[in-house]
Amino acid sequence: MSSNDSLTDPMSFAKKMWGNMGFSLPGMVTPTLDVEEIEKKVRDLKAVESWLKMNLSMLQMTIQGLEMQCVTLNAVRAMGHMGSNLTTAASGGNDDTQTNALGIPGGADALKQATMWPWTMMQQMQEQMKQAAAAAQQAAQSDDETKKKP
């Protein structure tokens, strides 16, 4: 390269400026023209993307598991409240139309509702699984559409 070439070529000027500072020119300033290196970077970034997607799905499953655990614990707690309120209602009177502090009917109806909590929880689980499957299917379709576009 001649000195005249360095005056007209801004990249050579930038290389000289960065080189004098003791470190090389960053890759963002001088993009590579090597196709193999670009393809390698694309493969690496796709690997990172798939790893992040996997971690995201694991995080979503963990959140769902914790939500299910919370629902279960709340149902057990509500059953405990119903049981304690039923014993106080039974000692105070045997009226089946009576409601407790939670607004749940007392007497035999409350016991029937308490025995149905596993069924209710299973229905909620099925609804959440359907929603998660629909979301995954929608995400897969959007991924396919983005891959088809140039």
N, C-alpha and C. Protein backbone atom coordinates (compact mmCIF):
# COMPACT_ATOMS: atom_id res chain seq x y z
N MET A 1 0.82 -1.18 0.00
CA MET A 1 0.00 0.00 0.00
C MET A 1 0.87 1.24 0.00
N SER A 2 0.46 2.18 -0.76
CA SER A 2 1.21 3.43 -0.79
C SER A 2 0.62 4.41 0.20
N SER A 3 1.34 5.47 0.46
CA SER A 3 0.83 6.47 1.39
C SER A 3 -0.36 7.20 0.80
N ASN A 4 -0.41 7.31 -0.54
CA ASN A 4 -1.54 7.95 -1.19
C ASN A 4 -2.79 7.09 -1.03
N ASP A 5 -2.62 5.76 -1.07
CA ASP A 5 -3.74 4.83 -0.90
C ASP A 5 -4.34 4.96 0.50
N SER A 6 -3.51 5.19 1.49
CA SER A 6 -4.00 5.32 2.86
C SER A 6 -4.78 6.61 3.07
N LEU A 7 -4.54 7.61 2.26
CA LEU A 7 -5.28 8.86 2.39
C LEU A 7 -6.69 8.74 1.81
N THR A 8 -6.84 7.95 0.76
CA THR A 8 -8.14 7.82 0.12
C THR A 8 -8.96 6.68 0.69
N ASP A 9 -8.34 5.72 1.31
CA ASP A 9 -9.07 4.58 1.88
C ASP A 9 -9.32 4.82 3.36
N PRO A 10 -10.59 5.06 3.73
CA PRO A 10 -10.88 5.33 5.15
C PRO A 10 -10.63 4.13 6.05
N MET A 11 -10.76 2.90 5.51
CA MET A 11 -10.52 1.71 6.33
C MET A 11 -9.05 1.61 6.73
N SER A 12 -8.15 1.94 5.82
CA SER A 12 -6.73 1.87 6.18
C SER A 12 -6.40 2.93 7.22
N PHE A 13 -7.05 4.09 7.12
CA PHE A 13 -6.84 5.14 8.12
C PHE A 13 -7.32 4.64 9.50
N ALA A 14 -8.51 4.00 9.52
CA ALA A 14 -9.04 3.50 10.78
C ALA A 14 -8.15 2.39 11.35
N LYS A 15 -7.64 1.51 10.46
CA LYS A 15 -6.76 0.43 10.92
C LYS A 15 -5.49 1.00 11.54
N LYS A 16 -4.95 2.02 10.91
CA LYS A 16 -3.72 2.63 11.46
C LYS A 16 -4.01 3.29 12.80
N MET A 17 -5.16 3.98 12.90
CA MET A 17 -5.51 4.66 14.14
C MET A 17 -5.69 3.65 15.27
N TRP A 18 -6.43 2.56 15.03
CA TRP A 18 -6.66 1.56 16.06
C TRP A 18 -5.38 0.79 16.36
N GLY A 19 -4.57 0.53 15.33
CA GLY A 19 -3.33 -0.21 15.52
C GLY A 19 -2.35 0.52 16.40
N ASN A 20 -2.31 1.83 16.32
CA ASN A 20 -1.38 2.63 17.13
C ASN A 20 -1.80 2.65 18.60
N MET A 21 -3.07 2.33 18.87
CA MET A 21 -3.53 2.34 20.26
C MET A 21 -3.17 1.05 20.99
N GLY A 22 -2.69 0.07 20.28
CA GLY A 22 -2.25 -1.15 20.95
C GLY A 22 -3.26 -2.28 20.90
N PHE A 23 -4.40 -2.08 20.28
CA PHE A 23 -5.36 -3.18 20.14
C PHE A 23 -5.94 -3.12 18.73
N SER A 24 -6.45 -4.26 18.29
CA SER A 24 -6.88 -4.38 16.90
C SER A 24 -8.24 -3.74 16.67
N LEU A 25 -8.55 -3.55 15.42
CA LEU A 25 -9.82 -2.96 15.01
C LEU A 25 -10.95 -3.93 15.33
N PRO A 26 -11.99 -3.48 16.01
CA PRO A 26 -13.10 -4.39 16.37
C PRO A 26 -13.84 -4.89 15.13
N GLY A 27 -14.43 -6.07 15.27
CA GLY A 27 -15.14 -6.69 14.17
C GLY A 27 -16.38 -5.94 13.74
N MET A 28 -16.96 -5.12 14.62
CA MET A 28 -18.16 -4.37 14.27
C MET A 28 -17.82 -3.26 13.28
N VAL A 29 -16.60 -2.73 13.34
CA VAL A 29 -16.22 -1.63 12.46
C VAL A 29 -15.83 -2.18 11.09
N THR A 30 -15.14 -3.30 11.08
CA THR A 30 -14.74 -3.92 9.81
C THR A 30 -15.43 -5.26 9.69
N PRO A 31 -16.57 -5.31 9.03
CA PRO A 31 -17.25 -6.60 8.86
C PRO A 31 -16.43 -7.52 7.97
N THR A 32 -16.54 -8.80 8.28
CA THR A 32 -15.76 -9.77 7.54
C THR A 32 -16.39 -10.03 6.17
N LEU A 33 -15.57 -10.36 5.23
CA LEU A 33 -16.04 -10.70 3.89
C LEU A 33 -15.92 -12.19 3.64
N ASP A 34 -15.49 -12.94 4.65
CA ASP A 34 -15.33 -14.38 4.53
C ASP A 34 -16.68 -15.06 4.79
N VAL A 35 -17.22 -15.74 3.77
CA VAL A 35 -18.54 -16.37 3.86
C VAL A 35 -18.53 -17.48 4.91
N GLU A 36 -17.46 -18.25 4.99
CA GLU A 36 -17.39 -19.34 5.96
C GLU A 36 -17.45 -18.82 7.39
N GLU A 37 -16.79 -17.69 7.64
CA GLU A 37 -16.82 -17.13 8.99
C GLU A 37 -18.22 -16.62 9.33
N ILE A 38 -18.90 -16.03 8.36
CA ILE A 38 -20.27 -15.56 8.58
C ILE A 38 -21.19 -16.74 8.85
N GLU A 39 -21.06 -17.82 8.08
CA GLU A 39 -21.88 -19.01 8.29
C GLU A 39 -21.62 -19.61 9.66
N LYS A 40 -20.36 -19.60 10.10
CA LYS A 40 -20.02 -20.12 11.42
C LYS A 40 -20.69 -19.28 12.51
N LYS A 41 -20.67 -17.96 12.34
CA LYS A 41 -21.32 -17.08 13.32
C LYS A 41 -22.82 -17.33 13.35
N VAL A 42 -23.43 -17.55 12.17
CA VAL A 42 -24.86 -17.82 12.11
C VAL A 42 -25.18 -19.13 12.82
N ARG A 43 -24.35 -20.17 12.59
CA ARG A 43 -24.57 -21.46 13.28
C ARG A 43 -24.44 -21.29 14.79
N ASP A 44 -23.44 -20.55 15.21
CA ASP A 44 -23.24 -20.33 16.65
C ASP A 44 -24.43 -19.58 17.26
N LEU A 45 -24.90 -18.56 16.57
CA LEU A 45 -26.03 -17.79 17.09
C LEU A 45 -27.31 -18.62 17.11
N LYS A 46 -27.50 -19.49 16.14
CA LYS A 46 -28.67 -20.37 16.14
C LYS A 46 -28.60 -21.36 17.30
N ALA A 47 -27.39 -21.83 17.61
CA ALA A 47 -27.23 -22.73 18.75
C ALA A 47 -27.59 -22.01 20.04
N VAL A 48 -27.15 -20.76 20.17
CA VAL A 48 -27.48 -19.97 21.35
C VAL A 48 -28.99 -19.73 21.41
N GLU A 49 -29.61 -19.45 20.26
CA GLU A 49 -31.05 -19.24 20.21
C GLU A 49 -31.81 -20.47 20.67
N SER A 50 -31.42 -21.65 20.20
CA SER A 50 -32.11 -22.88 20.62
C SER A 50 -31.91 -23.13 22.10
N TRP A 51 -30.72 -22.83 22.61
CA TRP A 51 -30.45 -23.00 24.04
C TRP A 51 -31.35 -22.07 24.86
N LEU A 52 -31.49 -20.83 24.39
CA LEU A 52 -32.35 -19.88 25.11
C LEU A 52 -33.81 -20.30 25.04
N LYS A 53 -34.26 -20.82 23.90
CA LYS A 53 -35.64 -21.30 23.79
C LYS A 53 -35.88 -22.45 24.76
N MET A 54 -34.91 -23.37 24.86
CA MET A 54 -35.05 -24.49 25.77
C MET A 54 -35.15 -23.99 27.21
N ASN A 55 -34.29 -23.04 27.57
CA ASN A 55 -34.35 -22.49 28.93
C ASN A 55 -35.66 -21.77 29.18
N LEU A 56 -36.18 -21.08 28.17
CA LEU A 56 -37.45 -20.40 28.31
C LEU A 56 -38.58 -21.39 28.56
N SER A 57 -38.58 -22.49 27.81
CA SER A 57 -39.64 -23.49 28.01
C SER A 57 -39.51 -24.15 29.39
N MET A 58 -38.28 -24.39 29.84
CA MET A 58 -38.09 -24.96 31.18
C MET A 58 -38.58 -23.97 32.25
N LEU A 59 -38.31 -22.69 32.04
CA LEU A 59 -38.77 -21.67 32.98
C LEU A 59 -40.29 -21.62 33.00
N GLN A 60 -40.92 -21.69 31.84
CA GLN A 60 -42.38 -21.68 31.79
C GLN A 60 -42.98 -22.89 32.48
N MET A 61 -42.37 -24.06 32.30
CA MET A 61 -42.85 -25.26 32.98
C MET A 61 -42.70 -25.13 34.49
N THR A 62 -41.61 -24.55 34.93
CA THR A 62 -41.40 -24.34 36.37
C THR A 62 -42.44 -23.40 36.93
N ILE A 63 -42.73 -22.34 36.20
CA ILE A 63 -43.75 -21.39 36.65
C ILE A 63 -45.11 -22.08 36.74
N GLN A 64 -45.45 -22.88 35.73
CA GLN A 64 -46.72 -23.60 35.76
C GLN A 64 -46.79 -24.55 36.94
N GLY A 65 -45.69 -25.24 37.22
CA GLY A 65 -45.66 -26.15 38.36
C GLY A 65 -45.87 -25.42 39.67
N LEU A 66 -45.24 -24.26 39.81
CA LEU A 66 -45.42 -23.48 41.03
C LEU A 66 -46.84 -22.93 41.14
N GLU A 67 -47.43 -22.54 40.01
CA GLU A 67 -48.81 -22.08 40.05
C GLU A 67 -49.74 -23.21 40.47
N MET A 68 -49.50 -24.42 39.96
CA MET A 68 -50.32 -25.57 40.34
C MET A 68 -50.16 -25.86 41.82
N GLN A 69 -48.95 -25.75 42.32
CA GLN A 69 -48.70 -25.99 43.74
C GLN A 69 -49.44 -24.94 44.57
N CYS A 70 -49.45 -23.71 44.11
CA CYS A 70 -50.15 -22.64 44.83
C CYS A 70 -51.66 -22.90 44.85
N VAL A 71 -52.20 -23.34 43.70
CA VAL A 71 -53.63 -23.64 43.64
C VAL A 71 -53.97 -24.78 44.59
N THR A 72 -53.14 -25.80 44.61
CA THR A 72 -53.37 -26.94 45.49
C THR A 72 -53.34 -26.52 46.96
N LEU A 73 -52.32 -25.74 47.32
CA LEU A 73 -52.22 -25.30 48.71
C LEU A 73 -53.40 -24.41 49.11
N ASN A 74 -53.83 -23.56 48.19
CA ASN A 74 -55.01 -22.72 48.49
C ASN A 74 -56.26 -23.57 48.65
N ALA A 75 -56.40 -24.63 47.84
CA ALA A 75 -57.56 -25.51 47.97
C ALA A 75 -57.53 -26.24 49.31
N VAL A 76 -56.36 -26.71 49.71
CA VAL A 76 -56.23 -27.41 51.00
C VAL A 76 -56.53 -26.43 52.14
N ARG A 77 -56.04 -25.21 52.02
CA ARG A 77 -56.29 -24.20 53.05
C ARG A 77 -57.79 -23.89 53.13
N ALA A 78 -58.43 -23.77 51.97
CA ALA A 78 -59.88 -23.50 51.95
C ALA A 78 -60.65 -24.66 52.57
N MET A 79 -60.19 -25.90 52.31
CA MET A 79 -60.85 -27.06 52.93
C MET A 79 -60.70 -27.01 54.44
N GLY A 80 -59.52 -26.59 54.90
CA GLY A 80 -59.31 -26.47 56.34
C GLY A 80 -60.22 -25.43 56.95
N HIS A 81 -60.38 -24.29 56.24
CA HIS A 81 -61.29 -23.26 56.73
C HIS A 81 -62.72 -23.77 56.75
N MET A 82 -63.10 -24.51 55.71
CA MET A 82 -64.46 -25.05 55.66
C MET A 82 -64.69 -26.02 56.81
N GLY A 83 -63.71 -26.87 57.06
CA GLY A 83 -63.85 -27.83 58.15
C GLY A 83 -63.96 -27.14 59.50
N SER A 84 -63.14 -26.13 59.73
CA SER A 84 -63.21 -25.44 61.02
C SER A 84 -64.51 -24.64 61.13
N ASN A 85 -64.97 -24.07 60.04
CA ASN A 85 -66.23 -23.32 60.07
C ASN A 85 -67.42 -24.26 60.22
N LEU A 86 -67.32 -25.46 59.66
CA LEU A 86 -68.40 -26.43 59.81
C LEU A 86 -68.53 -26.89 61.25
N THR A 87 -67.39 -27.07 61.91
CA THR A 87 -67.46 -27.52 63.31
C THR A 87 -68.04 -26.42 64.18
N THR A 88 -67.70 -25.17 63.91
CA THR A 88 -68.28 -24.08 64.70
C THR A 88 -69.75 -23.90 64.36
N ALA A 89 -70.12 -24.09 63.08
CA ALA A 89 -71.52 -23.97 62.69
C ALA A 89 -72.34 -25.14 63.26
N ALA A 90 -71.74 -26.32 63.32
CA ALA A 90 -72.45 -27.48 63.86
C ALA A 90 -72.69 -27.31 65.36
N SER A 91 -71.75 -26.71 66.04
CA SER A 91 -71.95 -26.50 67.47
C SER A 91 -72.96 -25.38 67.73
N GLY A 92 -73.06 -24.43 66.78
CA GLY A 92 -73.98 -23.31 66.95
C GLY A 92 -75.36 -23.58 66.39
N GLY A 93 -75.49 -24.49 65.47
CA GLY A 93 -76.78 -24.79 64.85
C GLY A 93 -76.57 -25.67 63.64
N ASN A 94 -77.59 -26.41 63.24
CA ASN A 94 -77.48 -27.36 62.13
C ASN A 94 -78.19 -26.85 60.89
N ASP A 95 -78.08 -25.61 60.54
CA ASP A 95 -78.76 -25.05 59.38
C ASP A 95 -77.87 -25.21 58.14
N ASP A 96 -78.32 -25.98 57.13
CA ASP A 96 -77.54 -26.23 55.92
C ASP A 96 -77.48 -25.01 55.01
N THR A 97 -78.35 -24.05 55.18
CA THR A 97 -78.36 -22.87 54.31
C THR A 97 -77.45 -21.78 54.83
N GLN A 98 -76.81 -22.01 55.95
CA GLN A 98 -75.93 -21.06 56.57
C GLN A 98 -74.65 -20.89 55.74
N THR A 99 -74.08 -19.67 55.65
CA THR A 99 -72.81 -19.46 54.94
C THR A 99 -71.76 -19.04 55.94
N ASN A 100 -70.52 -19.42 55.63
CA ASN A 100 -69.43 -19.09 56.54
C ASN A 100 -68.80 -17.76 56.15
N ALA A 101 -67.68 -17.40 56.79
CA ALA A 101 -67.03 -16.12 56.54
C ALA A 101 -66.48 -16.01 55.12
N LEU A 102 -66.18 -17.13 54.49
CA LEU A 102 -65.67 -17.11 53.13
C LEU A 102 -66.78 -17.02 52.10
N GLY A 103 -68.01 -17.08 52.52
CA GLY A 103 -69.14 -17.03 51.59
C GLY A 103 -69.46 -18.39 51.00
N ILE A 104 -68.93 -19.45 51.60
CA ILE A 104 -69.18 -20.81 51.12
C ILE A 104 -70.33 -21.38 51.92
N PRO A 105 -71.29 -22.01 51.26
CA PRO A 105 -72.43 -22.56 52.00
C PRO A 105 -71.97 -23.58 53.03
N GLY A 106 -72.63 -23.57 54.16
CA GLY A 106 -72.27 -24.48 55.23
C GLY A 106 -72.98 -25.82 55.09
N GLY A 107 -72.69 -26.72 55.97
CA GLY A 107 -73.36 -28.00 56.02
C GLY A 107 -72.88 -28.97 54.96
N ALA A 108 -73.82 -29.78 54.47
CA ALA A 108 -73.50 -30.86 53.55
C ALA A 108 -72.99 -30.33 52.21
N ASP A 109 -73.48 -29.18 51.74
CA ASP A 109 -73.01 -28.61 50.48
C ASP A 109 -71.52 -28.27 50.54
N ALA A 110 -71.08 -27.76 51.66
CA ALA A 110 -69.67 -27.41 51.80
C ALA A 110 -68.81 -28.67 51.75
N LEU A 111 -69.27 -29.75 52.36
CA LEU A 111 -68.51 -30.99 52.30
C LEU A 111 -68.46 -31.54 50.89
N LYS A 112 -69.56 -31.41 50.15
CA LYS A 112 -69.56 -31.87 48.76
C LYS A 112 -68.57 -31.06 47.93
N GLN A 113 -68.54 -29.76 48.14
CA GLN A 113 -67.61 -28.90 47.41
C GLN A 113 -66.16 -29.23 47.78
N ALA A 114 -65.94 -29.53 49.04
CA ALA A 114 -64.59 -29.86 49.48
C ALA A 114 -64.10 -31.16 48.87
N THR A 115 -65.01 -32.11 48.68
CA THR A 115 -64.59 -33.38 48.08
C THR A 115 -64.36 -33.26 46.58
N MET A 116 -64.86 -32.21 45.96
CA MET A 116 -64.71 -32.03 44.52
C MET A 116 -63.45 -31.26 44.14
N TRP A 117 -62.63 -30.82 45.10
CA TRP A 117 -61.47 -30.02 44.74
C TRP A 117 -60.48 -30.75 43.84
N PRO A 118 -60.25 -32.08 43.97
CA PRO A 118 -59.33 -32.71 43.03
C PRO A 118 -59.86 -32.65 41.59
N TRP A 119 -61.16 -32.82 41.44
CA TRP A 119 -61.76 -32.76 40.10
C TRP A 119 -61.60 -31.35 39.52
N THR A 120 -61.83 -30.34 40.32
CA THR A 120 -61.68 -28.96 39.87
C THR A 120 -60.23 -28.68 39.49
N MET A 121 -59.31 -29.16 40.30
CA MET A 121 -57.89 -28.95 40.00
C MET A 121 -57.49 -29.66 38.71
N MET A 122 -58.00 -30.87 38.48
CA MET A 122 -57.69 -31.58 37.23
C MET A 122 -58.24 -30.82 36.03
N GLN A 123 -59.42 -30.25 36.16
CA GLN A 123 -59.99 -29.47 35.06
C GLN A 123 -59.13 -28.23 34.78
N GLN A 124 -58.66 -27.58 35.83
CA GLN A 124 -57.79 -26.41 35.65
C GLN A 124 -56.48 -26.82 35.00
N MET A 125 -55.94 -27.97 35.39
CA MET A 125 -54.69 -28.45 34.78
C MET A 125 -54.90 -28.72 33.29
N GLN A 126 -56.01 -29.36 32.95
CA GLN A 126 -56.29 -29.64 31.54
C GLN A 126 -56.43 -28.35 30.74
N GLU A 127 -57.08 -27.36 31.29
CA GLU A 127 -57.24 -26.08 30.61
C GLU A 127 -55.88 -25.42 30.39
N GLN A 128 -55.02 -25.46 31.41
CA GLN A 128 -53.70 -24.86 31.28
C GLN A 128 -52.85 -25.61 30.27
N MET A 129 -52.97 -26.94 30.24
CA MET A 129 -52.22 -27.73 29.26
C MET A 129 -52.69 -27.43 27.84
N LYS A 130 -53.99 -27.27 27.66
CA LYS A 130 -54.53 -26.92 26.34
C LYS A 130 -54.03 -25.55 25.91
N GLN A 131 -54.00 -24.61 26.84
CA GLN A 131 -53.53 -23.26 26.52
C GLN A 131 -52.04 -23.30 26.16
N ALA A 132 -51.25 -24.07 26.91
CA ALA A 132 -49.82 -24.17 26.63
C ALA A 132 -49.58 -24.84 25.28
N ALA A 133 -50.35 -25.86 24.96
CA ALA A 133 -50.21 -26.54 23.67
C ALA A 133 -50.59 -25.61 22.53
N ALA A 134 -51.65 -24.84 22.71
CA ALA A 134 -52.06 -23.89 21.67
C ALA A 134 -51.00 -22.81 21.47
N ALA A 135 -50.42 -22.34 22.57
CA ALA A 135 -49.37 -21.32 22.47
C ALA A 135 -48.13 -21.88 21.79
N ALA A 136 -47.77 -23.13 22.11
CA ALA A 136 -46.61 -23.75 21.47
C ALA A 136 -46.86 -23.97 19.99
N GLN A 137 -48.07 -24.37 19.64
CA GLN A 137 -48.41 -24.57 18.23
C GLN A 137 -48.38 -23.25 17.48
N GLN A 138 -48.88 -22.20 18.09
CA GLN A 138 -48.87 -20.89 17.47
C GLN A 138 -47.43 -20.39 17.30
N ALA A 139 -46.58 -20.63 18.29
CA ALA A 139 -45.18 -20.22 18.20
C ALA A 139 -44.48 -20.99 17.09
N ALA A 140 -44.77 -22.28 16.97
CA ALA A 140 -44.15 -23.09 15.92
C ALA A 140 -44.60 -22.61 14.55
N GLN A 141 -45.85 -22.25 14.42
CA GLN A 141 -46.34 -21.75 13.13
C GLN A 141 -45.69 -20.42 12.78
N SER A 142 -45.53 -19.55 13.76
CA SER A 142 -44.91 -18.26 13.48
C SER A 142 -43.43 -18.46 13.15
N ASP A 143 -42.75 -19.41 13.79
CA ASP A 143 -41.37 -19.72 13.45
C ASP A 143 -41.26 -20.25 12.04
N ASP A 144 -42.20 -21.12 11.63
CA ASP A 144 -42.19 -21.66 10.27
C ASP A 144 -42.41 -20.56 9.26
N GLU A 145 -43.31 -19.63 9.56
CA GLU A 145 -43.58 -18.52 8.63
C GLU A 145 -42.37 -17.62 8.49
N THR A 146 -41.65 -17.36 9.60
CA THR A 146 -40.48 -16.49 9.51
C THR A 146 -39.34 -17.19 8.77
N LYS A 147 -39.25 -18.50 8.88
CA LYS A 147 -38.21 -19.24 8.17
C LYS A 147 -38.48 -19.29 6.67
N LYS A 148 -39.75 -19.29 6.28
CA LYS A 148 -40.12 -19.36 4.87
C LYS A 148 -39.87 -18.04 4.16
N LYS A 149 -39.95 -16.95 4.88
CA LYS A 149 -39.73 -15.64 4.27
C LYS A 149 -38.24 -15.44 4.05
N PRO A 150 -37.86 -14.87 2.90
CA PRO A 150 -36.42 -14.65 2.63
C PRO A 150 -35.84 -13.55 3.44
